[in-house]
Amino acid sequence: METGAESVDAAHRLLADEYGLEFRLVMGVERVLRRGPVDRVIVRITPNTPDGHREP
């Protein structure tokens, strides 16, 4: 499990790149409506290669 600020920032950048405006809108609405701290979990699923090893 990665919890460092650098890992979190990298995950947010990947999501923003993948989902673009949709991601930014959801984050903006959440920022306006949220009350209290936000605990978030981002799960990265990495497929195995045909030889059974994880891709980097």
N, C-alpha and C. Protein backbone atom coordinates (compact mmCIF):
# COMPACT_ATOMS: atom_id res chain seq x y z
N MET A 1 0.85 -1.16 0.00
CA MET A 1 0.00 0.00 0.00
C MET A 1 0.90 1.23 0.00
N GLU A 2 0.56 2.18 -0.86
CA GLU A 2 1.33 3.42 -0.94
C GLU A 2 0.49 4.55 -0.36
N THR A 3 1.06 5.32 0.56
CA THR A 3 0.30 6.38 1.21
C THR A 3 0.97 7.73 1.12
N GLY A 4 2.14 7.82 0.52
CA GLY A 4 2.87 9.07 0.45
C GLY A 4 2.20 10.09 -0.45
N ALA A 5 2.47 11.36 -0.20
CA ALA A 5 1.87 12.44 -0.98
C ALA A 5 2.22 12.32 -2.46
N GLU A 6 3.43 11.87 -2.75
CA GLU A 6 3.85 11.71 -4.15
C GLU A 6 3.01 10.64 -4.86
N SER A 7 2.74 9.54 -4.18
CA SER A 7 1.92 8.48 -4.76
C SER A 7 0.48 8.95 -4.97
N VAL A 8 -0.05 9.67 -4.02
CA VAL A 8 -1.41 10.19 -4.13
C VAL A 8 -1.50 11.18 -5.29
N ASP A 9 -0.54 12.08 -5.40
CA ASP A 9 -0.52 13.05 -6.50
C ASP A 9 -0.43 12.34 -7.85
N ALA A 10 0.39 11.31 -7.93
CA ALA A 10 0.53 10.56 -9.19
C ALA A 10 -0.78 9.88 -9.56
N ALA A 11 -1.47 9.31 -8.58
CA ALA A 11 -2.75 8.66 -8.85
C ALA A 11 -3.79 9.68 -9.33
N HIS A 12 -3.80 10.85 -8.71
CA HIS A 12 -4.74 11.90 -9.14
C HIS A 12 -4.43 12.36 -10.56
N ARG A 13 -3.15 12.49 -10.88
CA ARG A 13 -2.78 12.88 -12.25
C ARG A 13 -3.23 11.84 -13.27
N LEU A 14 -3.04 10.56 -12.94
CA LEU A 14 -3.48 9.50 -13.85
C LEU A 14 -4.99 9.53 -14.07
N LEU A 15 -5.74 9.72 -12.98
CA LEU A 15 -7.19 9.79 -13.10
C LEU A 15 -7.63 11.02 -13.89
N ALA A 16 -6.98 12.15 -13.64
CA ALA A 16 -7.31 13.38 -14.38
C ALA A 16 -6.99 13.22 -15.86
N ASP A 17 -5.88 12.56 -16.18
CA ASP A 17 -5.52 12.33 -17.59
C ASP A 17 -6.53 11.40 -18.27
N GLU A 18 -6.97 10.38 -17.54
CA GLU A 18 -7.87 9.38 -18.11
C GLU A 18 -9.29 9.93 -18.28
N TYR A 19 -9.79 10.67 -17.26
CA TYR A 19 -11.19 11.08 -17.26
C TYR A 19 -11.40 12.57 -17.51
N GLY A 20 -10.33 13.34 -17.54
CA GLY A 20 -10.39 14.75 -17.93
C GLY A 20 -11.40 15.58 -17.18
N LEU A 21 -12.29 16.23 -17.95
CA LEU A 21 -13.26 17.15 -17.37
C LEU A 21 -14.18 16.46 -16.37
N GLU A 22 -14.57 15.23 -16.65
CA GLU A 22 -15.44 14.50 -15.74
C GLU A 22 -14.81 14.38 -14.35
N PHE A 23 -13.54 14.03 -14.29
CA PHE A 23 -12.83 13.91 -13.01
C PHE A 23 -12.79 15.25 -12.29
N ARG A 24 -12.47 16.31 -13.03
CA ARG A 24 -12.38 17.64 -12.43
C ARG A 24 -13.73 18.12 -11.90
N LEU A 25 -14.81 17.83 -12.63
CA LEU A 25 -16.14 18.22 -12.17
C LEU A 25 -16.52 17.48 -10.89
N VAL A 26 -16.27 16.18 -10.85
CA VAL A 26 -16.60 15.40 -9.65
C VAL A 26 -15.80 15.90 -8.45
N MET A 27 -14.51 16.16 -8.65
CA MET A 27 -13.68 16.66 -7.55
C MET A 27 -14.16 18.05 -7.09
N GLY A 28 -14.57 18.89 -8.05
CA GLY A 28 -15.07 20.22 -7.70
C GLY A 28 -16.36 20.16 -6.91
N VAL A 29 -17.30 19.32 -7.34
CA VAL A 29 -18.56 19.17 -6.62
C VAL A 29 -18.30 18.60 -5.23
N GLU A 30 -17.41 17.62 -5.15
CA GLU A 30 -17.08 17.05 -3.84
C GLU A 30 -16.50 18.12 -2.92
N ARG A 31 -15.64 18.96 -3.45
CA ARG A 31 -15.01 20.00 -2.65
C ARG A 31 -16.06 20.98 -2.09
N VAL A 32 -17.08 21.30 -2.89
CA VAL A 32 -18.12 22.22 -2.47
C VAL A 32 -19.04 21.58 -1.43
N LEU A 33 -19.38 20.31 -1.62
CA LEU A 33 -20.38 19.66 -0.77
C LEU A 33 -19.84 18.94 0.45
N ARG A 34 -18.56 18.64 0.49
CA ARG A 34 -18.05 17.81 1.58
C ARG A 34 -18.05 18.55 2.91
N ARG A 35 -18.17 17.75 3.92
CA ARG A 35 -18.10 18.25 5.30
C ARG A 35 -17.11 17.36 6.04
N GLY A 36 -16.08 17.96 6.55
CA GLY A 36 -15.07 17.20 7.27
C GLY A 36 -14.02 16.63 6.35
N PRO A 37 -13.09 15.90 6.92
CA PRO A 37 -11.99 15.33 6.14
C PRO A 37 -12.47 14.22 5.21
N VAL A 38 -11.74 14.02 4.12
CA VAL A 38 -12.07 12.99 3.15
C VAL A 38 -11.02 11.89 3.23
N ASP A 39 -11.46 10.68 3.46
CA ASP A 39 -10.58 9.52 3.39
C ASP A 39 -10.89 8.82 2.08
N ARG A 40 -9.88 8.68 1.25
CA ARG A 40 -10.10 8.12 -0.08
C ARG A 40 -9.13 6.96 -0.30
N VAL A 41 -9.63 5.94 -0.97
CA VAL A 41 -8.81 4.79 -1.33
C VAL A 41 -8.84 4.68 -2.84
N ILE A 42 -7.67 4.58 -3.45
CA ILE A 42 -7.56 4.37 -4.89
C ILE A 42 -6.96 3.00 -5.08
N VAL A 43 -7.66 2.15 -5.81
CA VAL A 43 -7.21 0.78 -6.05
C VAL A 43 -6.69 0.70 -7.48
N ARG A 44 -5.45 0.28 -7.62
CA ARG A 44 -4.86 0.08 -8.95
C ARG A 44 -4.80 -1.41 -9.23
N ILE A 45 -5.43 -1.81 -10.32
CA ILE A 45 -5.46 -3.21 -10.71
C ILE A 45 -4.48 -3.38 -11.86
N THR A 46 -3.50 -4.25 -11.66
CA THR A 46 -2.47 -4.49 -12.67
C THR A 46 -2.61 -5.92 -13.16
N PRO A 47 -2.87 -6.08 -14.47
CA PRO A 47 -3.04 -7.45 -14.99
C PRO A 47 -1.72 -8.21 -15.03
N ASN A 48 -1.82 -9.50 -14.94
CA ASN A 48 -0.65 -10.36 -15.10
C ASN A 48 -0.31 -10.50 -16.58
N THR A 49 0.94 -10.72 -16.85
CA THR A 49 1.37 -11.00 -18.22
C THR A 49 1.10 -12.47 -18.50
N PRO A 50 1.17 -12.89 -19.75
CA PRO A 50 0.91 -14.31 -20.07
C PRO A 50 1.81 -15.29 -19.31
N ASP A 51 3.02 -14.84 -18.93
CA ASP A 51 3.92 -15.74 -18.21
C ASP A 51 3.66 -15.74 -16.70
N GLY A 52 2.61 -15.04 -16.25
CA GLY A 52 2.22 -15.07 -14.84
C GLY A 52 2.84 -14.00 -13.98
N HIS A 53 3.67 -13.13 -14.54
CA HIS A 53 4.30 -12.06 -13.77
C HIS A 53 3.53 -10.76 -13.94
N ARG A 54 3.60 -9.92 -12.91
CA ARG A 54 2.92 -8.62 -13.00
C ARG A 54 3.66 -7.71 -13.94
N GLU A 55 2.87 -6.85 -14.62
CA GLU A 55 3.49 -5.82 -15.44
C GLU A 55 3.98 -4.72 -14.50
N PRO A 56 5.04 -4.02 -14.88
CA PRO A 56 5.56 -2.95 -14.01
C PRO A 56 4.61 -1.78 -13.88
